[in-house]
């Protein structure tokens, strides 16, 4: 779930304030089923949530905050890398970096 959203925050432009964890969690929740191998494909609600999250990104710090939040959640929720990487492709979302639980959030720009 954490990295599903990571790719979305990379889609936005530059700005200022960091995105709160509650916003990330709320928008990524619908992706959890697929990211944990409980659903056959990412839902349209997953796509909608990620698009909404992407619209909240105003700065590089927002992107990093979303990435950090996603990493914390991925560890505790059983997120599987092999499913995470498929979510951007399923919705034709261009991220510009590998979507993975191993992504270094501090190198995002």
PDB file of N, CA and C in Angstrom:
ATOM      1  N   UNK A   1       0.844  -1.172   0.000  1.00  0.00           N
ATOM      2  CA  UNK A   1       0.000   0.000   0.000  1.00  0.00           C
ATOM      3  C   UNK A   1       0.888   1.234   0.000  1.00  0.00           C
ATOM      4  N   UNK A   2       1.953   1.214   0.733  1.00  0.00           N
ATOM      5  CA  UNK A   2       2.854   2.347   0.836  1.00  0.00           C
ATOM      6  C   UNK A   2       3.462   2.719  -0.492  1.00  0.00           C
ATOM      7  N   UNK A   3       3.859   1.736  -1.215  1.00  0.00           N
ATOM      8  CA  UNK A   3       4.531   2.033  -2.462  1.00  0.00           C
ATOM      9  C   UNK A   3       3.589   2.185  -3.622  1.00  0.00           C
ATOM     10  N   UNK A   4       2.399   1.784  -3.418  1.00  0.00           N
ATOM     11  CA  UNK A   4       1.392   1.999  -4.435  1.00  0.00           C
ATOM     12  C   UNK A   4       1.177   3.488  -4.549  1.00  0.00           C
ATOM     13  N   UNK A   5       1.263   4.112  -3.446  1.00  0.00           N
ATOM     14  CA  UNK A   5       1.054   5.542  -3.420  1.00  0.00           C
ATOM     15  C   UNK A   5       2.310   6.294  -3.759  1.00  0.00           C
ATOM     16  N   UNK A   6       3.429   5.671  -3.536  1.00  0.00           N
ATOM     17  CA  UNK A   6       4.689   6.314  -3.840  1.00  0.00           C
ATOM     18  C   UNK A   6       4.730   6.778  -5.275  1.00  0.00           C
ATOM     19  N   UNK A   7       4.246   5.960  -6.186  1.00  0.00           N
ATOM     20  CA  UNK A   7       4.314   6.322  -7.584  1.00  0.00           C
ATOM     21  C   UNK A   7       3.405   7.502  -7.874  1.00  0.00           C
ATOM     22  N   UNK A   8       2.359   7.680  -7.128  1.00  0.00           N
ATOM     23  CA  UNK A   8       1.440   8.785  -7.362  1.00  0.00           C
ATOM     24  C   UNK A   8       2.013  10.117  -6.949  1.00  0.00           C
ATOM     25  N   UNK A   9       2.716  10.135  -5.862  1.00  0.00           N
ATOM     26  CA  UNK A   9       3.246  11.398  -5.404  1.00  0.00           C
ATOM     27  C   UNK A   9       4.324  11.901  -6.330  1.00  0.00           C
ATOM     28  N   UNK A  10       4.852  11.050  -7.151  1.00  0.00           N
ATOM     29  CA  UNK A  10       5.869  11.452  -8.109  1.00  0.00           C
ATOM     30  C   UNK A  10       5.266  12.089  -9.348  1.00  0.00           C
ATOM     31  N   UNK A  11       3.986  11.995  -9.465  1.00  0.00           N
ATOM     32  CA  UNK A  11       3.308  12.519 -10.641  1.00  0.00           C
ATOM     33  C   UNK A  11       2.999  14.008 -10.553  1.00  0.00           C
ATOM     34  N   UNK A  12       3.053  14.554  -9.372  1.00  0.00           N
ATOM     35  CA  UNK A  12       2.654  15.948  -9.185  1.00  0.00           C
ATOM     36  C   UNK A  12       3.815  16.920  -9.352  1.00  0.00           C
ATOM     37  N   UNK A  13       3.477  18.200  -9.273  1.00  0.00           N
ATOM     38  CA  UNK A  13       4.470  19.267  -9.415  1.00  0.00           C
ATOM     39  C   UNK A  13       5.082  19.644  -8.078  1.00  0.00           C
ATOM     40  N   UNK A  14       5.753  20.799  -8.035  1.00  0.00           N
ATOM     41  CA  UNK A  14       6.409  21.243  -6.811  1.00  0.00           C
ATOM     42  C   UNK A  14       5.515  22.166  -5.993  1.00  0.00           C
ATOM     43  N   UNK A  15       5.768  22.201  -4.663  1.00  0.00           N
ATOM     44  CA  UNK A  15       4.980  23.020  -3.755  1.00  0.00           C
ATOM     45  C   UNK A  15       5.645  23.155  -2.414  1.00  0.00           C
ATOM     46  N   UNK A  16       4.891  22.903  -1.263  1.00  0.00           N
ATOM     47  CA  UNK A  16       5.474  23.161   0.035  1.00  0.00           C
ATOM     48  C   UNK A  16       5.189  22.140   1.132  1.00  0.00           C
ATOM     49  N   UNK A  17       3.971  21.970   1.593  1.00  0.00           N
ATOM     50  CA  UNK A  17       3.670  21.185   2.785  1.00  0.00           C
ATOM     51  C   UNK A  17       3.694  19.678   2.539  1.00  0.00           C
ATOM     52  N   UNK A  18       4.070  18.939   3.608  1.00  0.00           N
ATOM     53  CA  UNK A  18       4.098  17.479   3.523  1.00  0.00           C
ATOM     54  C   UNK A  18       2.697  16.905   3.684  1.00  0.00           C
ATOM     55  N   UNK A  19       2.419  15.814   3.007  1.00  0.00           N
ATOM     56  CA  UNK A  19       1.124  15.148   3.039  1.00  0.00           C
ATOM     57  C   UNK A  19       1.035  14.301   4.310  1.00  0.00           C
ATOM     58  N   UNK A  20      -0.037  14.442   5.095  1.00  0.00           N
ATOM     59  CA  UNK A  20      -0.176  13.657   6.333  1.00  0.00           C
ATOM     60  C   UNK A  20      -0.408  12.170   6.063  1.00  0.00           C
ATOM     61  N   UNK A  21       0.051  11.322   6.990  1.00  0.00           N
ATOM     62  CA  UNK A  21      -0.117   9.878   6.881  1.00  0.00           C
ATOM     63  C   UNK A  21      -1.579   9.497   6.710  1.00  0.00           C
ATOM     64  N   UNK A  22      -2.472  10.207   7.378  1.00  0.00           N
ATOM     65  CA  UNK A  22      -3.895   9.870   7.294  1.00  0.00           C
ATOM     66  C   UNK A  22      -4.416  10.013   5.858  1.00  0.00           C
ATOM     67  N   UNK A  23      -3.914  10.996   5.147  1.00  0.00           N
ATOM     68  CA  UNK A  23      -4.307  11.205   3.750  1.00  0.00           C
ATOM     69  C   UNK A  23      -3.794  10.055   2.887  1.00  0.00           C
ATOM     70  N   UNK A  24      -2.554   9.666   3.117  1.00  0.00           N
ATOM     71  CA  UNK A  24      -1.948   8.567   2.361  1.00  0.00           C
ATOM     72  C   UNK A  24      -2.716   7.278   2.626  1.00  0.00           C
ATOM     73  N   UNK A  25      -2.937   6.986   3.891  1.00  0.00           N
ATOM     74  CA  UNK A  25      -3.649   5.760   4.263  1.00  0.00           C
ATOM     75  C   UNK A  25      -5.043   5.693   3.641  1.00  0.00           C
ATOM     76  N   UNK A  26      -5.766   6.793   3.722  1.00  0.00           N
ATOM     77  CA  UNK A  26      -7.137   6.827   3.196  1.00  0.00           C
ATOM     78  C   UNK A  26      -7.169   6.598   1.690  1.00  0.00           C
ATOM     79  N   UNK A  27      -6.212   7.167   0.976  1.00  0.00           N
ATOM     80  CA  UNK A  27      -6.204   7.056  -0.483  1.00  0.00           C
ATOM     81  C   UNK A  27      -5.614   5.741  -0.985  1.00  0.00           C
ATOM     82  N   UNK A  28      -4.794   5.103  -0.190  1.00  0.00           N
ATOM     83  CA  UNK A  28      -4.159   3.862  -0.623  1.00  0.00           C
ATOM     84  C   UNK A  28      -4.888   2.607  -0.151  1.00  0.00           C
ATOM     85  N   UNK A  29      -5.817   2.758   0.745  1.00  0.00           N
ATOM     86  CA  UNK A  29      -6.485   1.610   1.363  1.00  0.00           C
ATOM     87  C   UNK A  29      -7.088   0.631   0.352  1.00  0.00           C
ATOM     88  N   UNK A  30      -7.653   1.134  -0.722  1.00  0.00           N
ATOM     89  CA  UNK A  30      -8.306   0.265  -1.712  1.00  0.00           C
ATOM     90  C   UNK A  30      -7.306  -0.590  -2.495  1.00  0.00           C
ATOM     91  N   UNK A  31      -6.027  -0.276  -2.389  1.00  0.00           N
ATOM     92  CA  UNK A  31      -4.997  -1.036  -3.109  1.00  0.00           C
ATOM     93  C   UNK A  31      -4.473  -2.210  -2.294  1.00  0.00           C
ATOM     94  N   UNK A  32      -4.794  -2.248  -1.049  1.00  0.00           N
ATOM     95  CA  UNK A  32      -4.249  -3.247  -0.140  1.00  0.00           C
ATOM     96  C   UNK A  32      -4.571  -4.678  -0.550  1.00  0.00           C
ATOM     97  N   UNK A  33      -5.782  -4.930  -0.989  1.00  0.00           N
ATOM     98  CA  UNK A  33      -6.160  -6.288  -1.392  1.00  0.00           C
ATOM     99  C   UNK A  33      -5.253  -6.859  -2.464  1.00  0.00           C
ATOM    100  N   UNK A  34      -4.990  -6.075  -3.488  1.00  0.00           N
ATOM    101  CA  UNK A  34      -4.123  -6.546  -4.566  1.00  0.00           C
ATOM    102  C   UNK A  34      -2.669  -6.636  -4.105  1.00  0.00           C
ATOM    103  N   UNK A  35      -2.202  -5.646  -3.357  1.00  0.00           N
ATOM    104  CA  UNK A  35      -0.805  -5.598  -2.920  1.00  0.00           C
ATOM    105  C   UNK A  35      -0.453  -6.724  -1.958  1.00  0.00           C
ATOM    106  N   UNK A  36      -1.463  -7.333  -1.354  1.00  0.00           N
ATOM    107  CA  UNK A  36      -1.227  -8.444  -0.429  1.00  0.00           C
ATOM    108  C   UNK A  36      -1.675  -9.783  -1.021  1.00  0.00           C
ATOM    109  N   UNK A  37      -1.959  -9.817  -2.314  1.00  0.00           N
ATOM    110  CA  UNK A  37      -2.375 -11.012  -3.034  1.00  0.00           C
ATOM    111  C   UNK A  37      -3.723 -11.557  -2.569  1.00  0.00           C
ATOM    112  N   UNK A  38      -4.607 -10.646  -2.158  1.00  0.00           N
ATOM    113  CA  UNK A  38      -5.944 -11.044  -1.740  1.00  0.00           C
ATOM    114  C   UNK A  38      -6.981 -10.736  -2.831  1.00  0.00           C
ATOM    115  N   UNK A  39      -6.565 -10.002  -3.864  1.00  0.00           N
ATOM    116  CA  UNK A  39      -7.458  -9.655  -4.973  1.00  0.00           C
ATOM    117  C   UNK A  39      -6.729  -9.962  -6.282  1.00  0.00           C
ATOM    118  N   UNK A  40      -7.472 -10.358  -7.293  1.00  0.00           N
ATOM    119  CA  UNK A  40      -6.894 -10.751  -8.579  1.00  0.00           C
ATOM    120  C   UNK A  40      -6.307  -9.579  -9.367  1.00  0.00           C
ATOM    121  N   UNK A  41      -6.855  -8.383  -9.164  1.00  0.00           N
ATOM    122  CA  UNK A  41      -6.364  -7.207  -9.877  1.00  0.00           C
ATOM    123  C   UNK A  41      -6.630  -5.966  -9.028  1.00  0.00           C
ATOM    124  N   UNK A  42      -5.883  -4.873  -9.292  1.00  0.00           N
ATOM    125  CA  UNK A  42      -6.138  -3.632  -8.555  1.00  0.00           C
ATOM    126  C   UNK A  42      -7.519  -3.085  -8.939  1.00  0.00           C
ATOM    127  N   UNK A  43      -8.255  -2.630  -7.969  1.00  0.00           N
ATOM    128  CA  UNK A  43      -9.612  -2.133  -8.207  1.00  0.00           C
ATOM    129  C   UNK A  43      -9.613  -0.716  -8.777  1.00  0.00           C
ATOM    130  N   UNK A  44     -10.752  -0.323  -9.320  1.00  0.00           N
ATOM    131  CA  UNK A  44     -10.886   1.060  -9.807  1.00  0.00           C
ATOM    132  C   UNK A  44     -10.822   2.023  -8.628  1.00  0.00           C
ATOM    133  N   UNK A  45     -11.267   1.591  -7.455  1.00  0.00           N
ATOM    134  CA  UNK A  45     -11.160   2.436  -6.255  1.00  0.00           C
ATOM    135  C   UNK A  45      -9.696   2.674  -5.895  1.00  0.00           C
ATOM    136  N   UNK A  46      -8.851   1.688  -6.136  1.00  0.00           N
ATOM    137  CA  UNK A  46      -7.409   1.832  -5.920  1.00  0.00           C
ATOM    138  C   UNK A  46      -6.868   2.923  -6.842  1.00  0.00           C
ATOM    139  N   UNK A  47      -7.223   2.831  -8.106  1.00  0.00           N
ATOM    140  CA  UNK A  47      -6.777   3.816  -9.084  1.00  0.00           C
ATOM    141  C   UNK A  47      -7.258   5.211  -8.713  1.00  0.00           C
ATOM    142  N   UNK A  48      -8.529   5.327  -8.365  1.00  0.00           N
ATOM    143  CA  UNK A  48      -9.101   6.628  -7.985  1.00  0.00           C
ATOM    144  C   UNK A  48      -8.374   7.210  -6.775  1.00  0.00           C
ATOM    145  N   UNK A  49      -8.112   6.374  -5.786  1.00  0.00           N
ATOM    146  CA  UNK A  49      -7.424   6.829  -4.580  1.00  0.00           C
ATOM    147  C   UNK A  49      -6.022   7.309  -4.877  1.00  0.00           C
ATOM    148  N   UNK A  50      -5.329   6.592  -5.744  1.00  0.00           N
ATOM    149  CA  UNK A  50      -3.967   6.988  -6.098  1.00  0.00           C
ATOM    150  C   UNK A  50      -3.958   8.281  -6.898  1.00  0.00           C
ATOM    151  N   UNK A  51      -4.945   8.450  -7.752  1.00  0.00           N
ATOM    152  CA  UNK A  51      -5.038   9.699  -8.514  1.00  0.00           C
ATOM    153  C   UNK A  51      -5.326  10.872  -7.582  1.00  0.00           C
ATOM    154  N   UNK A  52      -6.182  10.664  -6.604  1.00  0.00           N
ATOM    155  CA  UNK A  52      -6.467  11.720  -5.625  1.00  0.00           C
ATOM    156  C   UNK A  52      -5.228  12.048  -4.816  1.00  0.00           C
ATOM    157  N   UNK A  53      -4.480  11.031  -4.440  1.00  0.00           N
ATOM    158  CA  UNK A  53      -3.247  11.253  -3.693  1.00  0.00           C
ATOM    159  C   UNK A  53      -2.246  12.048  -4.523  1.00  0.00           C
ATOM    160  N   UNK A  54      -2.129  11.704  -5.790  1.00  0.00           N
ATOM    161  CA  UNK A  54      -1.206  12.408  -6.672  1.00  0.00           C
ATOM    162  C   UNK A  54      -1.541  13.896  -6.749  1.00  0.00           C
ATOM    163  N   UNK A  55      -2.828  14.216  -6.681  1.00  0.00           N
ATOM    164  CA  UNK A  55      -3.255  15.615  -6.753  1.00  0.00           C
ATOM    165  C   UNK A  55      -2.877  16.398  -5.498  1.00  0.00           C
ATOM    166  N   UNK A  56      -2.569  15.710  -4.404  1.00  0.00           N
ATOM    167  CA  UNK A  56      -2.189  16.408  -3.173  1.00  0.00           C
ATOM    168  C   UNK A  56      -0.727  16.801  -3.166  1.00  0.00           C
ATOM    169  N   UNK A  57       0.073  16.248  -4.073  1.00  0.00           N
ATOM    170  CA  UNK A  57       1.506  16.498  -4.090  1.00  0.00           C
ATOM    171  C   UNK A  57       1.801  17.907  -4.615  1.00  0.00           C
ATOM    172  N   UNK A  58       2.493  18.656  -3.784  1.00  0.00           N
ATOM    173  CA  UNK A  58       2.857  20.025  -4.159  1.00  0.00           C
ATOM    174  C   UNK A  58       4.368  20.237  -4.137  1.00  0.00           C
ATOM    175  N   UNK A  59       5.119  19.279  -3.575  1.00  0.00           N
ATOM    176  CA  UNK A  59       6.570  19.457  -3.431  1.00  0.00           C
ATOM    177  C   UNK A  59       7.276  18.106  -3.357  1.00  0.00           C
ATOM    178  N   UNK A  60       8.584  18.156  -3.434  1.00  0.00           N
ATOM    179  CA  UNK A  60       9.405  16.960  -3.270  1.00  0.00           C
ATOM    180  C   UNK A  60       9.215  16.413  -1.860  1.00  0.00           C
ATOM    181  N   UNK A  61       9.072  17.293  -0.888  1.00  0.00           N
ATOM    182  CA  UNK A  61       8.849  16.848   0.489  1.00  0.00           C
ATOM    183  C   UNK A  61       7.538  16.081   0.619  1.00  0.00           C
ATOM    184  N   UNK A  62       6.521  16.477  -0.136  1.00  0.00           N
ATOM    185  CA  UNK A  62       5.260  15.723  -0.148  1.00  0.00           C
ATOM    186  C   UNK A  62       5.512  14.304  -0.661  1.00  0.00           C
ATOM    187  N   UNK A  63       6.285  14.189  -1.722  1.00  0.00           N
ATOM    188  CA  UNK A  63       6.594  12.881  -2.294  1.00  0.00           C
ATOM    189  C   UNK A  63       7.323  12.007  -1.282  1.00  0.00           C
ATOM    190  N   UNK A  64       8.307  12.600  -0.622  1.00  0.00           N
ATOM    191  CA  UNK A  64       9.083  11.847   0.368  1.00  0.00           C
ATOM    192  C   UNK A  64       8.206  11.429   1.544  1.00  0.00           C
ATOM    193  N   UNK A  65       7.308  12.308   1.978  1.00  0.00           N
ATOM    194  CA  UNK A  65       6.415  11.995   3.099  1.00  0.00           C
ATOM    195  C   UNK A  65       5.501  10.829   2.743  1.00  0.00           C
ATOM    196  N   UNK A  66       4.976  10.825   1.538  1.00  0.00           N
ATOM    197  CA  UNK A  66       4.109   9.736   1.096  1.00  0.00           C
ATOM    198  C   UNK A  66       4.897   8.432   1.035  1.00  0.00           C
ATOM    199  N   UNK A  67       6.082   8.487   0.493  1.00  0.00           N
ATOM    200  CA  UNK A  67       6.936   7.312   0.404  1.00  0.00           C
ATOM    201  C   UNK A  67       7.215   6.746   1.793  1.00  0.00           C
ATOM    202  N   UNK A  68       7.580   7.606   2.737  1.00  0.00           N
ATOM    203  CA  UNK A  68       7.870   7.151   4.109  1.00  0.00           C
ATOM    204  C   UNK A  68       6.663   6.477   4.727  1.00  0.00           C
ATOM    205  N   UNK A  69       5.514   7.080   4.548  1.00  0.00           N
ATOM    206  CA  UNK A  69       4.282   6.520   5.091  1.00  0.00           C
ATOM    207  C   UNK A  69       4.005   5.141   4.494  1.00  0.00           C
ATOM    208  N   UNK A  70       4.175   5.035   3.211  1.00  0.00           N
ATOM    209  CA  UNK A  70       3.932   3.771   2.529  1.00  0.00           C
ATOM    210  C   UNK A  70       4.889   2.683   2.990  1.00  0.00           C
ATOM    211  N   UNK A  71       6.137   3.047   3.222  1.00  0.00           N
ATOM    212  CA  UNK A  71       7.119   2.057   3.673  1.00  0.00           C
ATOM    213  C   UNK A  71       6.741   1.521   5.046  1.00  0.00           C
ATOM    214  N   UNK A  72       6.313   2.388   5.921  1.00  0.00           N
ATOM    215  CA  UNK A  72       5.914   1.966   7.271  1.00  0.00           C
ATOM    216  C   UNK A  72       4.749   0.985   7.177  1.00  0.00           C
ATOM    217  N   UNK A  73       3.768   1.315   6.379  1.00  0.00           N
ATOM    218  CA  UNK A  73       2.610   0.449   6.212  1.00  0.00           C
ATOM    219  C   UNK A  73       2.939  -0.871   5.531  1.00  0.00           C
ATOM    220  N   UNK A  74       3.829  -0.843   4.565  1.00  0.00           N
ATOM    221  CA  UNK A  74       4.179  -2.058   3.820  1.00  0.00           C
ATOM    222  C   UNK A  74       4.777  -3.115   4.728  1.00  0.00           C
ATOM    223  N   UNK A  75       5.592  -2.682   5.653  1.00  0.00           N
ATOM    224  CA  UNK A  75       6.234  -3.633   6.563  1.00  0.00           C
ATOM    225  C   UNK A  75       5.220  -4.347   7.440  1.00  0.00           C
ATOM    226  N   UNK A  76       4.222  -3.636   7.890  1.00  0.00           N
ATOM    227  CA  UNK A  76       3.270  -4.226   8.829  1.00  0.00           C
ATOM    228  C   UNK A  76       2.068  -4.901   8.164  1.00  0.00           C
ATOM    229  N   UNK A  77       1.847  -4.658   6.887  1.00  0.00           N
ATOM    230  CA  UNK A  77       0.641  -5.158   6.224  1.00  0.00           C
ATOM    231  C   UNK A  77       0.863  -6.329   5.276  1.00  0.00           C
ATOM    232  N   UNK A  78       2.088  -6.771   5.125  1.00  0.00           N
ATOM    233  CA  UNK A  78       2.347  -7.902   4.244  1.00  0.00           C
ATOM    234  C   UNK A  78       2.318  -7.573   2.768  1.00  0.00           C
ATOM    235  N   UNK A  79       2.684  -6.345   2.432  1.00  0.00           N
ATOM    236  CA  UNK A  79       2.727  -5.917   1.030  1.00  0.00           C
ATOM    237  C   UNK A  79       3.791  -6.726   0.284  1.00  0.00           C
ATOM    238  N   UNK A  80       3.468  -7.194  -0.904  1.00  0.00           N
ATOM    239  CA  UNK A  80       4.399  -7.986  -1.703  1.00  0.00           C
ATOM    240  C   UNK A  80       4.883  -7.187  -2.913  1.00  0.00           C
ATOM    241  N   UNK A  81       6.197  -7.077  -3.036  1.00  0.00           N
ATOM    242  CA  UNK A  81       6.814  -6.309  -4.125  1.00  0.00           C
ATOM    243  C   UNK A  81       6.299  -6.719  -5.502  1.00  0.00           C
ATOM    244  N   UNK A  82       6.117  -8.000  -5.720  1.00  0.00           N
ATOM    245  CA  UNK A  82       5.715  -8.458  -7.059  1.00  0.00           C
ATOM    246  C   UNK A  82       4.351  -7.917  -7.458  1.00  0.00           C
ATOM    247  N   UNK A  83       3.512  -7.568  -6.499  1.00  0.00           N
ATOM    248  CA  UNK A  83       2.203  -6.987  -6.803  1.00  0.00           C
ATOM    249  C   UNK A  83       2.287  -5.468  -6.870  1.00  0.00           C
ATOM    250  N   UNK A  84       3.100  -4.886  -6.022  1.00  0.00           N
ATOM    251  CA  UNK A  84       3.262  -3.427  -6.035  1.00  0.00           C
ATOM    252  C   UNK A  84       3.684  -2.919  -7.405  1.00  0.00           C
ATOM    253  N   UNK A  85       4.669  -3.575  -7.970  1.00  0.00           N
ATOM    254  CA  UNK A  85       5.213  -3.117  -9.251  1.00  0.00           C
ATOM    255  C   UNK A  85       4.190  -3.199 -10.378  1.00  0.00           C
ATOM    256  N   UNK A  86       3.148  -3.994 -10.204  1.00  0.00           N
ATOM    257  CA  UNK A  86       2.134  -4.144 -11.252  1.00  0.00           C
ATOM    258  C   UNK A  86       1.046  -3.073 -11.185  1.00  0.00           C
ATOM    259  N   UNK A  87       0.899  -2.428 -10.071  1.00  0.00           N
ATOM    260  CA  UNK A  87      -0.178  -1.446  -9.926  1.00  0.00           C
ATOM    261  C   UNK A  87      -0.026  -0.261 -10.878  1.00  0.00           C
ATOM    262  N   UNK A  88       1.144   0.368 -10.965  1.00  0.00           N
ATOM    263  CA  UNK A  88       1.269   1.493 -11.909  1.00  0.00           C
ATOM    264  C   UNK A  88       0.960   1.073 -13.349  1.00  0.00           C
ATOM    265  N   UNK A  89       1.404  -0.100 -13.737  1.00  0.00           N
ATOM    266  CA  UNK A  89       1.143  -0.579 -15.105  1.00  0.00           C
ATOM    267  C   UNK A  89      -0.340  -0.838 -15.323  1.00  0.00           C
ATOM    268  N   UNK A  90      -1.013  -1.364 -14.315  1.00  0.00           N
ATOM    269  CA  UNK A  90      -2.435  -1.678 -14.446  1.00  0.00           C
ATOM    270  C   UNK A  90      -3.256  -0.430 -14.743  1.00  0.00           C
ATOM    271  N   UNK A  91      -2.814   0.710 -14.246  1.00  0.00           N
ATOM    272  CA  UNK A  91      -3.563   1.956 -14.433  1.00  0.00           C
ATOM    273  C   UNK A  91      -2.817   2.946 -15.305  1.00  0.00           C
ATOM    274  N   UNK A  92      -1.757   2.469 -15.976  1.00  0.00           N
ATOM    275  CA  UNK A  92      -0.974   3.311 -16.886  1.00  0.00           C
ATOM    276  C   UNK A  92      -0.475   4.576 -16.204  1.00  0.00           C
ATOM    277  N   UNK A  93       0.060   4.404 -15.005  1.00  0.00           N
ATOM    278  CA  UNK A  93       0.608   5.521 -14.238  1.00  0.00           C
ATOM    279  C   UNK A  93       2.122   5.486 -14.375  1.00  0.00           C
ATOM    280  N   UNK A  94       2.700   6.583 -14.839  1.00  0.00           N
ATOM    281  CA  UNK A  94       4.146   6.676 -14.997  1.00  0.00           C
ATOM    282  C   UNK A  94       4.737   7.256 -13.715  1.00  0.00           C
ATOM    283  N   UNK A  95       5.641   6.501 -13.108  1.00  0.00           N
ATOM    284  CA  UNK A  95       6.221   6.897 -11.831  1.00  0.00           C
ATOM    285  C   UNK A  95       7.622   7.470 -11.989  1.00  0.00           C
ATOM    286  N   UNK A  96       8.425   6.899 -12.848  1.00  0.00           N
ATOM    287  CA  UNK A  96       9.775   7.400 -13.057  1.00  0.00           C
ATOM    288  C   UNK A  96      10.809   6.766 -12.140  1.00  0.00           C
ATOM    289  N   UNK A  97      10.438   5.753 -11.375  1.00  0.00           N
ATOM    290  CA  UNK A  97      11.351   5.025 -10.506  1.00  0.00           C
ATOM    291  C   UNK A  97      10.710   3.676 -10.197  1.00  0.00           C
ATOM    292  N   UNK A  98      11.504   2.706  -9.747  1.00  0.00           N
ATOM    293  CA  UNK A  98      10.933   1.400  -9.426  1.00  0.00           C
ATOM    294  C   UNK A  98      10.007   1.478  -8.215  1.00  0.00           C
ATOM    295  N   UNK A  99       8.827   0.941  -8.328  1.00  0.00           N
ATOM    296  CA  UNK A  99       7.877   0.889  -7.215  1.00  0.00           C
ATOM    297  C   UNK A  99       8.214  -0.372  -6.429  1.00  0.00           C
ATOM    298  N   UNK A 100       8.700  -0.175  -5.203  1.00  0.00           N
ATOM    299  CA  UNK A 100       9.188  -1.300  -4.419  1.00  0.00           C
ATOM    300  C   UNK A 100       9.197  -0.957  -2.937  1.00  0.00           C
ATOM    301  N   UNK A 101       9.085  -1.967  -2.110  1.00  0.00           N
ATOM    302  CA  UNK A 101       9.199  -1.750  -0.664  1.00  0.00           C
ATOM    303  C   UNK A 101      10.631  -1.380  -0.298  1.00  0.00           C
ATOM    304  N   UNK A 102      11.545  -1.525  -1.243  1.00  0.00           N
ATOM    305  CA  UNK A 102      12.949  -1.198  -1.013  1.00  0.00           C
ATOM    306  C   UNK A 102      13.347   0.183  -1.529  1.00  0.00           C
ATOM    307  N   UNK A 103      12.394   0.941  -2.045  1.00  0.00           N
ATOM    308  CA  UNK A 103      12.690   2.272  -2.556  1.00  0.00           C
ATOM    309  C   UNK A 103      13.255   3.150  -1.444  1.00  0.00           C
ATOM    310  N   UNK A 104      14.325   3.882  -1.733  1.00  0.00           N
ATOM    311  CA  UNK A 104      14.914   4.820  -0.779  1.00  0.00           C
ATOM    312  C   UNK A 104      14.188   6.157  -0.937  1.00  0.00           C
ATOM    313  N   UNK A 105      13.322   6.472   0.007  1.00  0.00           N
ATOM    314  CA  UNK A 105      12.497   7.673  -0.074  1.00  0.00           C
ATOM    315  C   UNK A 105      13.324   8.958  -0.090  1.00  0.00           C
ATOM    316  N   UNK A 106      14.509   8.908   0.497  1.00  0.00           N
ATOM    317  CA  UNK A 106      15.335  10.121   0.590  1.00  0.00           C
ATOM    318  C   UNK A 106      15.990  10.481  -0.732  1.00  0.00           C
ATOM    319  N   UNK A 107      15.978   9.584  -1.693  1.00  0.00           N
ATOM    320  CA  UNK A 107      16.595   9.892  -2.988  1.00  0.00           C
ATOM    321  C   UNK A 107      15.570  10.394  -4.009  1.00  0.00           C
ATOM    322  N   UNK A 108      14.336  10.511  -3.594  1.00  0.00           N
ATOM    323  CA  UNK A 108      13.283  10.986  -4.488  1.00  0.00           C
ATOM    324  C   UNK A 108      13.472  12.477  -4.761  1.00  0.00           C
ATOM    325  N   UNK A 109      13.257  12.833  -6.014  1.00  0.00           N
ATOM    326  CA  UNK A 109      13.380  14.251  -6.376  1.00  0.00           C
ATOM    327  C   UNK A 109      12.327  14.640  -7.387  1.00  0.00           C
TER     328      UNK A 109
END
